[in-house]
Amino acid sequence: MANLALKFPINLRSFSLSASASSNGSPPGVHQSKGPVILELPLDRIRRPLMRTRANDPQKVKELMDSISEIGLQVPIDVLEVDGEYYGFSGCHRYEAHQQLGLSTICCKVRRGTKETLRHHLR
């Protein structure tokens, strides 16, 4: 079993997650689940390959900034992990809101994938 500790501040603005061993929270040698894991990742570790092809709605980003400032991020962004690299394909408005607020990390629902999965997302 993984050693997992969640700490929630009173305002639920952010949380920390500590897990021992592998990047998906499973200890070494234990069968790893294929399901997603919730992690707090640095914004600069998340690649956004579709960023140039999509524009965010500035009003939506502003509303999210207000909400995140007041009550914190309510829904993690979805991130694909391939060979230790993180790729964000959804949650672009939430990501930009975090950037504009000057926050260094964001809560992510991380799924592991293969290079073929990554190519599929890039089509």
PDB file of N, CA and C in Angstrom:
ATOM      1  N   MET A   1       0.838  -1.185   0.000  1.00  0.00           N
ATOM      2  CA  MET A   1       0.000   0.000   0.000  1.00  0.00           C
ATOM      3  C   MET A   1       0.878   1.240   0.000  1.00  0.00           C
ATOM      4  N   ALA A   2       0.501   2.247  -0.720  1.00  0.00           N
ATOM      5  CA  ALA A   2       1.255   3.491  -0.761  1.00  0.00           C
ATOM      6  C   ALA A   2       1.039   4.274   0.523  1.00  0.00           C
ATOM      7  N   ASN A   3       2.077   4.978   0.946  1.00  0.00           N
ATOM      8  CA  ASN A   3       1.990   5.857   2.106  1.00  0.00           C
ATOM      9  C   ASN A   3       1.500   7.200   1.599  1.00  0.00           C
ATOM     10  N   LEU A   4       0.256   7.549   1.877  1.00  0.00           N
ATOM     11  CA  LEU A   4      -0.376   8.728   1.299  1.00  0.00           C
ATOM     12  C   LEU A   4      -0.886   9.639   2.396  1.00  0.00           C
ATOM     13  N   ALA A   5      -0.567  10.925   2.289  1.00  0.00           N
ATOM     14  CA  ALA A   5      -1.048  11.882   3.285  1.00  0.00           C
ATOM     15  C   ALA A   5      -1.577  13.109   2.567  1.00  0.00           C
ATOM     16  N   LEU A   6      -2.802  13.462   2.827  1.00  0.00           N
ATOM     17  CA  LEU A   6      -3.403  14.675   2.268  1.00  0.00           C
ATOM     18  C   LEU A   6      -3.568  15.685   3.383  1.00  0.00           C
ATOM     19  N   LYS A   7      -3.240  16.928   3.110  1.00  0.00           N
ATOM     20  CA  LYS A   7      -3.416  17.998   4.080  1.00  0.00           C
ATOM     21  C   LYS A   7      -4.296  19.057   3.438  1.00  0.00           C
ATOM     22  N   PHE A   8      -5.436  19.352   4.040  1.00  0.00           N
ATOM     23  CA  PHE A   8      -6.342  20.354   3.514  1.00  0.00           C
ATOM     24  C   PHE A   8      -6.385  21.540   4.451  1.00  0.00           C
ATOM     25  N   PRO A   9      -5.969  22.721   3.972  1.00  0.00           N
ATOM     26  CA  PRO A   9      -6.102  23.898   4.817  1.00  0.00           C
ATOM     27  C   PRO A   9      -7.575  24.253   4.984  1.00  0.00           C
ATOM     28  N   ILE A  10      -7.857  25.069   5.953  1.00  0.00           N
ATOM     29  CA  ILE A  10      -9.244  25.418   6.255  1.00  0.00           C
ATOM     30  C   ILE A  10      -9.946  26.006   5.046  1.00  0.00           C
ATOM     31  N   ASN A  11      -9.276  26.853   4.263  1.00  0.00           N
ATOM     32  CA  ASN A  11      -9.938  27.485   3.130  1.00  0.00           C
ATOM     33  C   ASN A  11      -9.911  26.629   1.859  1.00  0.00           C
ATOM     34  N   LEU A  12      -9.327  25.438   1.919  1.00  0.00           N
ATOM     35  CA  LEU A  12      -9.234  24.516   0.788  1.00  0.00           C
ATOM     36  C   LEU A  12      -8.589  25.140  -0.436  1.00  0.00           C
ATOM     37  N   ARG A  13      -7.764  26.145  -0.247  1.00  0.00           N
ATOM     38  CA  ARG A  13      -7.149  26.848  -1.364  1.00  0.00           C
ATOM     39  C   ARG A  13      -6.132  25.969  -2.094  1.00  0.00           C
ATOM     40  N   SER A  14      -5.400  25.185  -1.350  1.00  0.00           N
ATOM     41  CA  SER A  14      -4.438  24.285  -1.974  1.00  0.00           C
ATOM     42  C   SER A  14      -4.227  23.109  -1.041  1.00  0.00           C
ATOM     43  N   PHE A  15      -3.587  22.095  -1.546  1.00  0.00           N
ATOM     44  CA  PHE A  15      -3.287  20.967  -0.682  1.00  0.00           C
ATOM     45  C   PHE A  15      -1.964  20.375  -1.098  1.00  0.00           C
ATOM     46  N   SER A  16      -1.402  19.598  -0.188  1.00  0.00           N
ATOM     47  CA  SER A  16      -0.167  18.908  -0.533  1.00  0.00           C
ATOM     48  C   SER A  16      -0.435  17.417  -0.512  1.00  0.00           C
ATOM     49  N   LEU A  17       0.274  16.730  -1.364  1.00  0.00           N
ATOM     50  CA  LEU A  17       0.129  15.293  -1.486  1.00  0.00           C
ATOM     51  C   LEU A  17       1.517  14.701  -1.374  1.00  0.00           C
ATOM     52  N   SER A  18       1.682  13.781  -0.465  1.00  0.00           N
ATOM     53  CA  SER A  18       2.969  13.107  -0.400  1.00  0.00           C
ATOM     54  C   SER A  18       2.727  11.627  -0.607  1.00  0.00           C
ATOM     55  N   ALA A  19       3.539  11.056  -1.459  1.00  0.00           N
ATOM     56  CA  ALA A  19       3.421   9.630  -1.745  1.00  0.00           C
ATOM     57  C   ALA A  19       4.825   9.062  -1.844  1.00  0.00           C
ATOM     58  N   SER A  20       4.987   7.842  -1.405  1.00  0.00           N
ATOM     59  CA  SER A  20       6.298   7.236  -1.504  1.00  0.00           C
ATOM     60  C   SER A  20       6.405   6.488  -2.819  1.00  0.00           C
ATOM     61  N   ALA A  21       7.617   6.397  -3.330  1.00  0.00           N
ATOM     62  CA  ALA A  21       7.973   5.576  -4.466  1.00  0.00           C
ATOM     63  C   ALA A  21       7.641   6.172  -5.816  1.00  0.00           C
ATOM     64  N   SER A  22       6.990   5.400  -6.705  1.00  0.00           N
ATOM     65  CA  SER A  22       6.870   5.752  -8.117  1.00  0.00           C
ATOM     66  C   SER A  22       6.001   6.969  -8.358  1.00  0.00           C
ATOM     67  N   SER A  23       6.046   7.472  -9.601  1.00  0.00           N
ATOM     68  CA  SER A  23       5.336   8.708  -9.933  1.00  0.00           C
ATOM     69  C   SER A  23       3.827   8.568  -9.859  1.00  0.00           C
ATOM     70  N   ASN A  24       3.305   7.350  -9.819  1.00  0.00           N
ATOM     71  CA  ASN A  24       1.847   7.228  -9.684  1.00  0.00           C
ATOM     72  C   ASN A  24       1.452   6.859  -8.263  1.00  0.00           C
ATOM     73  N   GLY A  25       2.403   6.956  -7.326  1.00  0.00           N
ATOM     74  CA  GLY A  25       2.086   6.763  -5.925  1.00  0.00           C
ATOM     75  C   GLY A  25       2.205   5.338  -5.431  1.00  0.00           C
ATOM     76  N   SER A  26       2.500   4.381  -6.300  1.00  0.00           N
ATOM     77  CA  SER A  26       2.628   2.995  -5.871  1.00  0.00           C
ATOM     78  C   SER A  26       4.054   2.719  -5.430  1.00  0.00           C
ATOM     79  N   PRO A  27       4.221   1.955  -4.359  1.00  0.00           N
ATOM     80  CA  PRO A  27       5.581   1.619  -3.951  1.00  0.00           C
ATOM     81  C   PRO A  27       6.245   0.717  -4.987  1.00  0.00           C
ATOM     82  N   PRO A  28       7.573   0.702  -5.032  1.00  0.00           N
ATOM     83  CA  PRO A  28       8.274  -0.142  -5.995  1.00  0.00           C
ATOM     84  C   PRO A  28       7.887  -1.606  -5.810  1.00  0.00           C
ATOM     85  N   GLY A  29       7.733  -2.309  -6.922  1.00  0.00           N
ATOM     86  CA  GLY A  29       7.434  -3.725  -6.870  1.00  0.00           C
ATOM     87  C   GLY A  29       5.967  -4.056  -6.676  1.00  0.00           C
ATOM     88  N   VAL A  30       5.125  -3.065  -6.473  1.00  0.00           N
ATOM     89  CA  VAL A  30       3.702  -3.300  -6.287  1.00  0.00           C
ATOM     90  C   VAL A  30       2.999  -3.016  -7.598  1.00  0.00           C
ATOM     91  N   HIS A  31       2.029  -3.863  -7.976  1.00  0.00           N
ATOM     92  CA  HIS A  31       1.281  -3.666  -9.214  1.00  0.00           C
ATOM     93  C   HIS A  31       0.702  -2.263  -9.257  1.00  0.00           C
ATOM     94  N   GLN A  32       0.987  -1.536 -10.336  1.00  0.00           N
ATOM     95  CA  GLN A  32       0.547  -0.155 -10.440  1.00  0.00           C
ATOM     96  C   GLN A  32      -0.780  -0.069 -11.169  1.00  0.00           C
ATOM     97  N   SER A  33      -1.697   0.678 -10.611  1.00  0.00           N
ATOM     98  CA  SER A  33      -3.013   0.883 -11.187  1.00  0.00           C
ATOM     99  C   SER A  33      -2.906   1.723 -12.450  1.00  0.00           C
ATOM    100  N   LYS A  34      -3.833   1.510 -13.382  1.00  0.00           N
ATOM    101  CA  LYS A  34      -3.842   2.300 -14.597  1.00  0.00           C
ATOM    102  C   LYS A  34      -4.720   3.534 -14.460  1.00  0.00           C
ATOM    103  N   GLY A  35      -5.331   3.722 -13.316  1.00  0.00           N
ATOM    104  CA  GLY A  35      -6.209   4.867 -13.095  1.00  0.00           C
ATOM    105  C   GLY A  35      -5.425   6.146 -12.856  1.00  0.00           C
ATOM    106  N   PRO A  36      -6.111   7.281 -12.901  1.00  0.00           N
ATOM    107  CA  PRO A  36      -5.451   8.567 -12.686  1.00  0.00           C
ATOM    108  C   PRO A  36      -5.052   8.781 -11.234  1.00  0.00           C
ATOM    109  N   VAL A  37      -4.090   9.679 -11.041  1.00  0.00           N
ATOM    110  CA  VAL A  37      -3.600  10.062  -9.727  1.00  0.00           C
ATOM    111  C   VAL A  37      -3.714  11.583  -9.640  1.00  0.00           C
ATOM    112  N   ILE A  38      -4.092  12.093  -8.485  1.00  0.00           N
ATOM    113  CA  ILE A  38      -4.171  13.537  -8.282  1.00  0.00           C
ATOM    114  C   ILE A  38      -2.846  14.016  -7.699  1.00  0.00           C
ATOM    115  N   LEU A  39      -2.189  14.950  -8.417  1.00  0.00           N
ATOM    116  CA  LEU A  39      -0.901  15.498  -7.988  1.00  0.00           C
ATOM    117  C   LEU A  39      -0.900  17.011  -8.134  1.00  0.00           C
ATOM    118  N   GLU A  40      -0.128  17.676  -7.317  1.00  0.00           N
ATOM    119  CA  GLU A  40       0.119  19.109  -7.447  1.00  0.00           C
ATOM    120  C   GLU A  40       1.423  19.236  -8.229  1.00  0.00           C
ATOM    121  N   LEU A  41       1.344  19.759  -9.462  1.00  0.00           N
ATOM    122  CA  LEU A  41       2.522  19.844 -10.323  1.00  0.00           C
ATOM    123  C   LEU A  41       2.921  21.300 -10.566  1.00  0.00           C
ATOM    124  N   PRO A  42       4.229  21.542 -10.698  1.00  0.00           N
ATOM    125  CA  PRO A  42       4.671  22.887 -11.078  1.00  0.00           C
ATOM    126  C   PRO A  42       4.171  23.214 -12.491  1.00  0.00           C
ATOM    127  N   LEU A  43       3.701  24.442 -12.691  1.00  0.00           N
ATOM    128  CA  LEU A  43       3.212  24.842 -14.008  1.00  0.00           C
ATOM    129  C   LEU A  43       4.278  24.653 -15.081  1.00  0.00           C
ATOM    130  N   ASP A  44       5.529  24.931 -14.734  1.00  0.00           N
ATOM    131  CA  ASP A  44       6.584  24.854 -15.744  1.00  0.00           C
ATOM    132  C   ASP A  44       6.982  23.419 -16.120  1.00  0.00           C
ATOM    133  N   ARG A  45       6.416  22.432 -15.445  1.00  0.00           N
ATOM    134  CA  ARG A  45       6.656  21.027 -15.823  1.00  0.00           C
ATOM    135  C   ARG A  45       5.606  20.513 -16.806  1.00  0.00           C
ATOM    136  N   ILE A  46       4.563  21.305 -17.058  1.00  0.00           N
ATOM    137  CA  ILE A  46       3.463  20.860 -17.912  1.00  0.00           C
ATOM    138  C   ILE A  46       3.632  21.461 -19.303  1.00  0.00           C
ATOM    139  N   ARG A  47       3.818  20.595 -20.282  1.00  0.00           N
ATOM    140  CA  ARG A  47       3.912  21.040 -21.671  1.00  0.00           C
ATOM    141  C   ARG A  47       2.502  21.213 -22.223  1.00  0.00           C
ATOM    142  N   ARG A  48       2.320  22.217 -23.042  1.00  0.00           N
ATOM    143  CA  ARG A  48       1.004  22.482 -23.632  1.00  0.00           C
ATOM    144  C   ARG A  48       1.150  22.527 -25.150  1.00  0.00           C
ATOM    145  N   PRO A  49       1.181  21.375 -25.787  1.00  0.00           N
ATOM    146  CA  PRO A  49       1.476  21.326 -27.228  1.00  0.00           C
ATOM    147  C   PRO A  49       0.424  21.977 -28.121  1.00  0.00           C
ATOM    148  N   LEU A  50      -0.791  22.168 -27.648  1.00  0.00           N
ATOM    149  CA  LEU A  50      -1.828  22.771 -28.475  1.00  0.00           C
ATOM    150  C   LEU A  50      -2.005  24.257 -28.187  1.00  0.00           C
ATOM    151  N   MET A  51      -1.146  24.824 -27.354  1.00  0.00           N
ATOM    152  CA  MET A  51      -1.284  26.205 -26.912  1.00  0.00           C
ATOM    153  C   MET A  51      -1.339  27.173 -28.098  1.00  0.00           C
ATOM    154  N   ARG A  52      -0.573  26.928 -29.135  1.00  0.00           N
ATOM    155  CA  ARG A  52      -0.513  27.859 -30.266  1.00  0.00           C
ATOM    156  C   ARG A  52      -1.745  27.794 -31.155  1.00  0.00           C
ATOM    157  N   THR A  53      -2.488  26.722 -31.080  1.00  0.00           N
ATOM    158  CA  THR A  53      -3.636  26.559 -31.975  1.00  0.00           C
ATOM    159  C   THR A  53      -4.959  26.941 -31.333  1.00  0.00           C
ATOM    160  N   ARG A  54      -4.956  27.193 -30.041  1.00  0.00           N
ATOM    161  CA  ARG A  54      -6.190  27.518 -29.336  1.00  0.00           C
ATOM    162  C   ARG A  54      -6.036  28.822 -28.566  1.00  0.00           C
ATOM    163  N   ALA A  55      -7.089  29.638 -28.599  1.00  0.00           N
ATOM    164  CA  ALA A  55      -7.082  30.888 -27.840  1.00  0.00           C
ATOM    165  C   ALA A  55      -8.054  30.766 -26.678  1.00  0.00           C
ATOM    166  N   ASN A  56      -7.644  31.262 -25.519  1.00  0.00           N
ATOM    167  CA  ASN A  56      -8.516  31.245 -24.349  1.00  0.00           C
ATOM    168  C   ASN A  56      -9.412  32.476 -24.350  1.00  0.00           C
ATOM    169  N   ASP A  57     -10.593  32.327 -23.783  1.00  0.00           N
ATOM    170  CA  ASP A  57     -11.538  33.428 -23.609  1.00  0.00           C
ATOM    171  C   ASP A  57     -11.077  34.249 -22.408  1.00  0.00           C
ATOM    172  N   PRO A  58     -10.659  35.501 -22.624  1.00  0.00           N
ATOM    173  CA  PRO A  58     -10.140  36.322 -21.519  1.00  0.00           C
ATOM    174  C   PRO A  58     -11.150  36.509 -20.382  1.00  0.00           C
ATOM    175  N   GLN A  59     -12.429  36.602 -20.701  1.00  0.00           N
ATOM    176  CA  GLN A  59     -13.448  36.774 -19.664  1.00  0.00           C
ATOM    177  C   GLN A  59     -13.531  35.530 -18.775  1.00  0.00           C
ATOM    178  N   LYS A  60     -13.455  34.357 -19.405  1.00  0.00           N
ATOM    179  CA  LYS A  60     -13.501  33.104 -18.635  1.00  0.00           C
ATOM    180  C   LYS A  60     -12.269  32.991 -17.732  1.00  0.00           C
ATOM    181  N   VAL A  61     -11.103  33.378 -18.262  1.00  0.00           N
ATOM    182  CA  VAL A  61      -9.875  33.355 -17.459  1.00  0.00           C
ATOM    183  C   VAL A  61     -10.022  34.288 -16.256  1.00  0.00           C
ATOM    184  N   LYS A  62     -10.563  35.486 -16.478  1.00  0.00           N
ATOM    185  CA  LYS A  62     -10.764  36.456 -15.386  1.00  0.00           C
ATOM    186  C   LYS A  62     -11.696  35.895 -14.330  1.00  0.00           C
ATOM    187  N   GLU A  63     -12.808  35.281 -14.756  1.00  0.00           N
ATOM    188  CA  GLU A  63     -13.755  34.688 -13.801  1.00  0.00           C
ATOM    189  C   GLU A  63     -13.099  33.574 -12.998  1.00  0.00           C
ATOM    190  N   LEU A  64     -12.290  32.762 -13.669  1.00  0.00           N
ATOM    191  CA  LEU A  64     -11.576  31.691 -12.962  1.00  0.00           C
ATOM    192  C   LEU A  64     -10.552  32.257 -11.988  1.00  0.00           C
ATOM    193  N   MET A  65      -9.876  33.320 -12.372  1.00  0.00           N
ATOM    194  CA  MET A  65      -8.914  33.955 -11.463  1.00  0.00           C
ATOM    195  C   MET A  65      -9.615  34.422 -10.201  1.00  0.00           C
ATOM    196  N   ASP A  66     -10.771  35.046 -10.360  1.00  0.00           N
ATOM    197  CA  ASP A  66     -11.531  35.506  -9.193  1.00  0.00           C
ATOM    198  C   ASP A  66     -11.932  34.329  -8.306  1.00  0.00           C
ATOM    199  N   SER A  67     -12.423  33.267  -8.937  1.00  0.00           N
ATOM    200  CA  SER A  67     -12.867  32.089  -8.195  1.00  0.00           C
ATOM    201  C   SER A  67     -11.702  31.395  -7.487  1.00  0.00           C
ATOM    202  N   ILE A  68     -10.604  31.214  -8.202  1.00  0.00           N
ATOM    203  CA  ILE A  68      -9.432  30.537  -7.620  1.00  0.00           C
ATOM    204  C   ILE A  68      -8.878  31.361  -6.464  1.00  0.00           C
ATOM    205  N   SER A  69      -8.860  32.687  -6.616  1.00  0.00           N
ATOM    206  CA  SER A  69      -8.385  33.553  -5.531  1.00  0.00           C
ATOM    207  C   SER A  69      -9.258  33.418  -4.294  1.00  0.00           C
ATOM    208  N   GLU A  70     -10.563  33.282  -4.515  1.00  0.00           N
ATOM    209  CA  GLU A  70     -11.509  33.239  -3.398  1.00  0.00           C
ATOM    210  C   GLU A  70     -11.616  31.856  -2.762  1.00  0.00           C
ATOM    211  N   ILE A  71     -11.786  30.821  -3.577  1.00  0.00           N
ATOM    212  CA  ILE A  71     -12.068  29.486  -3.008  1.00  0.00           C
ATOM    213  C   ILE A  71     -11.105  28.395  -3.461  1.00  0.00           C
ATOM    214  N   GLY A  72     -10.138  28.727  -4.309  1.00  0.00           N
ATOM    215  CA  GLY A  72      -9.184  27.736  -4.785  1.00  0.00           C
ATOM    216  C   GLY A  72      -9.709  26.991  -6.000  1.00  0.00           C
ATOM    217  N   LEU A  73      -8.837  26.212  -6.600  1.00  0.00           N
ATOM    218  CA  LEU A  73      -9.197  25.420  -7.776  1.00  0.00           C
ATOM    219  C   LEU A  73     -10.124  24.291  -7.350  1.00  0.00           C
ATOM    220  N   GLN A  74     -11.267  24.175  -7.989  1.00  0.00           N
ATOM    221  CA  GLN A  74     -12.265  23.170  -7.609  1.00  0.00           C
ATOM    222  C   GLN A  74     -12.146  21.873  -8.413  1.00  0.00           C
ATOM    223  N   VAL A  75     -11.631  21.960  -9.658  1.00  0.00           N
ATOM    224  CA  VAL A  75     -11.531  20.784 -10.523  1.00  0.00           C
ATOM    225  C   VAL A  75     -10.113  20.719 -11.071  1.00  0.00           C
ATOM    226  N   PRO A  76      -9.382  19.629 -10.802  1.00  0.00           N
ATOM    227  CA  PRO A  76      -8.012  19.515 -11.323  1.00  0.00           C
ATOM    228  C   PRO A  76      -8.016  19.503 -12.858  1.00  0.00           C
ATOM    229  N   ILE A  77      -6.915  19.960 -13.444  1.00  0.00           N
ATOM    230  CA  ILE A  77      -6.776  19.854 -14.892  1.00  0.00           C
ATOM    231  C   ILE A  77      -6.349  18.431 -15.232  1.00  0.00           C
ATOM    232  N   ASP A  78      -6.611  18.003 -16.451  1.00  0.00           N
ATOM    233  CA  ASP A  78      -6.218  16.668 -16.909  1.00  0.00           C
ATOM    234  C   ASP A  78      -4.848  16.747 -17.567  1.00  0.00           C
ATOM    235  N   VAL A  79      -3.954  15.852 -17.152  1.00  0.00           N
ATOM    236  CA  VAL A  79      -2.593  15.829 -17.665  1.00  0.00           C
ATOM    237  C   VAL A  79      -2.245  14.394 -18.046  1.00  0.00           C
ATOM    238  N   LEU A  80      -1.551  14.246 -19.165  1.00  0.00           N
ATOM    239  CA  LEU A  80      -1.068  12.946 -19.609  1.00  0.00           C
ATOM    240  C   LEU A  80       0.423  12.867 -19.324  1.00  0.00           C
ATOM    241  N   GLU A  81       0.856  11.818 -18.626  1.00  0.00           N
ATOM    242  CA  GLU A  81       2.281  11.608 -18.369  1.00  0.00           C
ATOM    243  C   GLU A  81       2.798  10.549 -19.329  1.00  0.00           C
ATOM    244  N   VAL A  82       3.819  10.908 -20.102  1.00  0.00           N
ATOM    245  CA  VAL A  82       4.467   9.972 -21.025  1.00  0.00           C
ATOM    246  C   VAL A  82       5.966  10.055 -20.772  1.00  0.00           C
ATOM    247  N   ASP A  83       6.547   8.955 -20.342  1.00  0.00           N
ATOM    248  CA  ASP A  83       7.986   8.876 -20.081  1.00  0.00           C
ATOM    249  C   ASP A  83       8.486  10.006 -19.184  1.00  0.00           C
ATOM    250  N   GLY A  84       7.746  10.304 -18.123  1.00  0.00           N
ATOM    251  CA  GLY A  84       8.169  11.310 -17.154  1.00  0.00           C
ATOM    252  C   GLY A  84       7.897  12.746 -17.561  1.00  0.00           C
ATOM    253  N   GLU A  85       7.329  12.969 -18.730  1.00  0.00           N
ATOM    254  CA  GLU A  85       6.961  14.313 -19.192  1.00  0.00           C
ATOM    255  C   GLU A  85       5.451  14.472 -19.056  1.00  0.00           C
ATOM    256  N   TYR A  86       5.003  15.675 -18.698  1.00  0.00           N
ATOM    257  CA  TYR A  86       3.580  15.939 -18.486  1.00  0.00           C
ATOM    258  C   TYR A  86       3.045  16.824 -19.608  1.00  0.00           C
ATOM    259  N   TYR A  87       1.911  16.410 -20.183  1.00  0.00           N
ATOM    260  CA  TYR A  87       1.286  17.129 -21.294  1.00  0.00           C
ATOM    261  C   TYR A  87      -0.141  17.491 -20.911  1.00  0.00           C
ATOM    262  N   GLY A  88      -0.447  18.786 -21.024  1.00  0.00           N
ATOM    263  CA  GLY A  88      -1.789  19.260 -20.720  1.00  0.00           C
ATOM    264  C   GLY A  88      -2.578  19.484 -21.999  1.00  0.00           C
ATOM    265  N   PHE A  89      -3.752  18.847 -22.093  1.00  0.00           N
ATOM    266  CA  PHE A  89      -4.606  18.997 -23.268  1.00  0.00           C
ATOM    267  C   PHE A  89      -5.966  19.583 -22.912  1.00  0.00           C
ATOM    268  N   SER A  90      -6.283  19.662 -21.647  1.00  0.00           N
ATOM    269  CA  SER A  90      -7.537  20.285 -21.214  1.00  0.00           C
ATOM    270  C   SER A  90      -7.229  21.122 -19.982  1.00  0.00           C
ATOM    271  N   GLY A  91      -8.149  21.993 -19.619  1.00  0.00           N
ATOM    272  CA  GLY A  91      -7.921  22.864 -18.467  1.00  0.00           C
ATOM    273  C   GLY A  91      -7.102  24.091 -18.814  1.00  0.00           C
ATOM    274  N   CYS A  92      -7.130  24.496 -20.086  1.00  0.00           N
ATOM    275  CA  CYS A  92      -6.305  25.622 -20.535  1.00  0.00           C
ATOM    276  C   CYS A  92      -6.663  26.934 -19.829  1.00  0.00           C
ATOM    277  N   HIS A  93      -7.955  27.169 -19.608  1.00  0.00           N
ATOM    278  CA  HIS A  93      -8.365  28.394 -18.926  1.00  0.00           C
ATOM    279  C   HIS A  93      -7.902  28.380 -17.465  1.00  0.00           C
ATOM    280  N   ARG A  94      -8.028  27.217 -16.813  1.00  0.00           N
ATOM    281  CA  ARG A  94      -7.586  27.101 -15.418  1.00  0.00           C
ATOM    282  C   ARG A  94      -6.075  27.272 -15.326  1.00  0.00           C
ATOM    283  N   TYR A  95      -5.349  26.682 -16.283  1.00  0.00           N
ATOM    284  CA  TYR A  95      -3.890  26.801 -16.328  1.00  0.00           C
ATOM    285  C   TYR A  95      -3.493  28.275 -16.468  1.00  0.00           C
ATOM    286  N   GLU A  96      -4.113  28.975 -17.436  1.00  0.00           N
ATOM    287  CA  GLU A  96      -3.780  30.384 -17.650  1.00  0.00           C
ATOM    288  C   GLU A  96      -4.145  31.241 -16.433  1.00  0.00           C
ATOM    289  N   ALA A  97      -5.263  30.931 -15.793  1.00  0.00           N
ATOM    290  CA  ALA A  97      -5.654  31.667 -14.586  1.00  0.00           C
ATOM    291  C   ALA A  97      -4.575  31.513 -13.511  1.00  0.00           C
ATOM    292  N   HIS A  98      -4.054  30.307 -13.342  1.00  0.00           N
ATOM    293  CA  HIS A  98      -2.976  30.088 -12.365  1.00  0.00           C
ATOM    294  C   HIS A  98      -1.742  30.902 -12.748  1.00  0.00           C
ATOM    295  N   GLN A  99      -1.397  30.897 -14.040  1.00  0.00           N
ATOM    296  CA  GLN A  99      -0.245  31.673 -14.498  1.00  0.00           C
ATOM    297  C   GLN A  99      -0.422  33.152 -14.171  1.00  0.00           C
ATOM    298  N   GLN A 100      -1.578  33.703 -14.531  1.00  0.00           N
ATOM    299  CA  GLN A 100      -1.810  35.132 -14.327  1.00  0.00           C
ATOM    300  C   GLN A 100      -1.870  35.505 -12.850  1.00  0.00           C
ATOM    301  N   LEU A 101      -2.273  34.560 -12.008  1.00  0.00           N
ATOM    302  CA  LEU A 101      -2.285  34.803 -10.565  1.00  0.00           C
ATOM    303  C   LEU A 101      -0.890  34.684  -9.943  1.00  0.00           C
ATOM    304  N   GLY A 102       0.071  34.193 -10.739  1.00  0.00           N
ATOM    305  CA  GLY A 102       1.431  34.038 -10.228  1.00  0.00           C
ATOM    306  C   GLY A 102       1.618  32.797  -9.377  1.00  0.00           C
ATOM    307  N   LEU A 103       0.710  31.823  -9.515  1.00  0.00           N
ATOM    308  CA  LEU A 103       0.821  30.576  -8.763  1.00  0.00           C
ATOM    309  C   LEU A 103       1.828  29.665  -9.459  1.00  0.00           C
ATOM    310  N   SER A 104       2.607  28.943  -8.692  1.00  0.00           N
ATOM    311  CA  SER A 104       3.660  28.121  -9.290  1.00  0.00           C
ATOM    312  C   SER A 104       3.226  26.681  -9.549  1.00  0.00           C
ATOM    313  N   THR A 105       2.143  26.228  -8.901  1.00  0.00           N
ATOM    314  CA  THR A 105       1.690  24.847  -9.079  1.00  0.00           C
ATOM    315  C   THR A 105       0.196  24.815  -9.378  1.00  0.00           C
ATOM    316  N   ILE A 106      -0.254  23.652  -9.871  1.00  0.00           N
ATOM    317  CA  ILE A 106      -1.669  23.448 -10.155  1.00  0.00           C
ATOM    318  C   ILE A 106      -2.020  21.996  -9.871  1.00  0.00           C
ATOM    319  N   CYS A 107      -3.220  21.770  -9.379  1.00  0.00           N
ATOM    320  CA  CYS A 107      -3.701  20.423  -9.082  1.00  0.00           C
ATOM    321  C   CYS A 107      -4.069  19.733 -10.401  1.00  0.00           C
ATOM    322  N   CYS A 108      -3.549  18.531 -10.591  1.00  0.00           N
ATOM    323  CA  CYS A 108      -3.724  17.810 -11.852  1.00  0.00           C
ATOM    324  C   CYS A 108      -4.225  16.388 -11.617  1.00  0.00           C
ATOM    325  N   LYS A 109      -5.093  15.931 -12.516  1.00  0.00           N
ATOM    326  CA  LYS A 109      -5.463  14.527 -12.571  1.00  0.00           C
ATOM    327  C   LYS A 109      -4.559  13.927 -13.642  1.00  0.00           C
ATOM    328  N   VAL A 110      -3.588  13.131 -13.205  1.00  0.00           N
ATOM    329  CA  VAL A 110      -2.550  12.619 -14.097  1.00  0.00           C
ATOM    330  C   VAL A 110      -2.869  11.186 -14.503  1.00  0.00           C
ATOM    331  N   ARG A 111      -2.880  10.974 -15.800  1.00  0.00           N
ATOM    332  CA  ARG A 111      -3.016   9.625 -16.364  1.00  0.00           C
ATOM    333  C   ARG A 111      -1.714   9.299 -17.084  1.00  0.00           C
ATOM    334  N   ARG A 112      -1.289   8.057 -16.965  1.00  0.00           N
ATOM    335  CA  ARG A 112      -0.094   7.614 -17.668  1.00  0.00           C
ATOM    336  C   ARG A 112      -0.487   7.157 -19.064  1.00  0.00           C
ATOM    337  N   GLY A 113       0.378   7.418 -20.022  1.00  0.00           N
ATOM    338  CA  GLY A 113       0.103   7.010 -21.393  1.00  0.00           C
ATOM    339  C   GLY A 113       1.383   6.652 -22.121  1.00  0.00           C
ATOM    340  N   THR A 114       1.203   6.184 -23.332  1.00  0.00           N
ATOM    341  CA  THR A 114       2.324   5.808 -24.185  1.00  0.00           C
ATOM    342  C   THR A 114       2.553   6.910 -25.216  1.00  0.00           C
ATOM    343  N   LYS A 115       3.627   6.786 -25.964  1.00  0.00           N
ATOM    344  CA  LYS A 115       3.885   7.742 -27.036  1.00  0.00           C
ATOM    345  C   LYS A 115       2.772   7.693 -28.076  1.00  0.00           C
ATOM    346  N   GLU A 116       2.201   6.520 -28.281  1.00  0.00           N
ATOM    347  CA  GLU A 116       1.079   6.400 -29.222  1.00  0.00           C
ATOM    348  C   GLU A 116      -0.133   7.182 -28.709  1.00  0.00           C
ATOM    349  N   THR A 117      -0.396   7.121 -27.419  1.00  0.00           N
ATOM    350  CA  THR A 117      -1.481   7.904 -26.836  1.00  0.00           C
ATOM    351  C   THR A 117      -1.227   9.390 -27.045  1.00  0.00           C
ATOM    352  N   LEU A 118      -0.002   9.819 -26.850  1.00  0.00           N
ATOM    353  CA  LEU A 118       0.367  11.218 -27.056  1.00  0.00           C
ATOM    354  C   LEU A 118       0.151  11.618 -28.511  1.00  0.00           C
ATOM    355  N   ARG A 119       0.581  10.782 -29.447  1.00  0.00           N
ATOM    356  CA  ARG A 119       0.358  11.084 -30.873  1.00  0.00           C
ATOM    357  C   ARG A 119      -1.121  11.218 -31.185  1.00  0.00           C
ATOM    358  N   HIS A 120      -1.944  10.366 -30.575  1.00  0.00           N
ATOM    359  CA  HIS A 120      -3.396  10.434 -30.762  1.00  0.00           C
ATOM    360  C   HIS A 120      -3.935  11.789 -30.308  1.00  0.00           C
ATOM    361  N   HIS A 121      -3.475  12.284 -29.168  1.00  0.00           N
ATOM    362  CA  HIS A 121      -3.935  13.579 -28.649  1.00  0.00           C
ATOM    363  C   HIS A 121      -3.474  14.747 -29.525  1.00  0.00           C
ATOM    364  N   LEU A 122      -2.363  14.570 -30.205  1.00  0.00           N
ATOM    365  CA  LEU A 122      -1.821  15.643 -31.029  1.00  0.00           C
ATOM    366  C   LEU A 122      -2.479  15.735 -32.401  1.00  0.00           C
ATOM    367  N   ARG A 123      -3.268  14.748 -32.782  1.00  0.00           N
ATOM    368  CA  ARG A 123      -3.929  14.774 -34.103  1.00  0.00           C
ATOM    369  C   ARG A 123      -5.013  15.800 -34.160  1.00  0.00           C
TER     370      ARG A 123
END
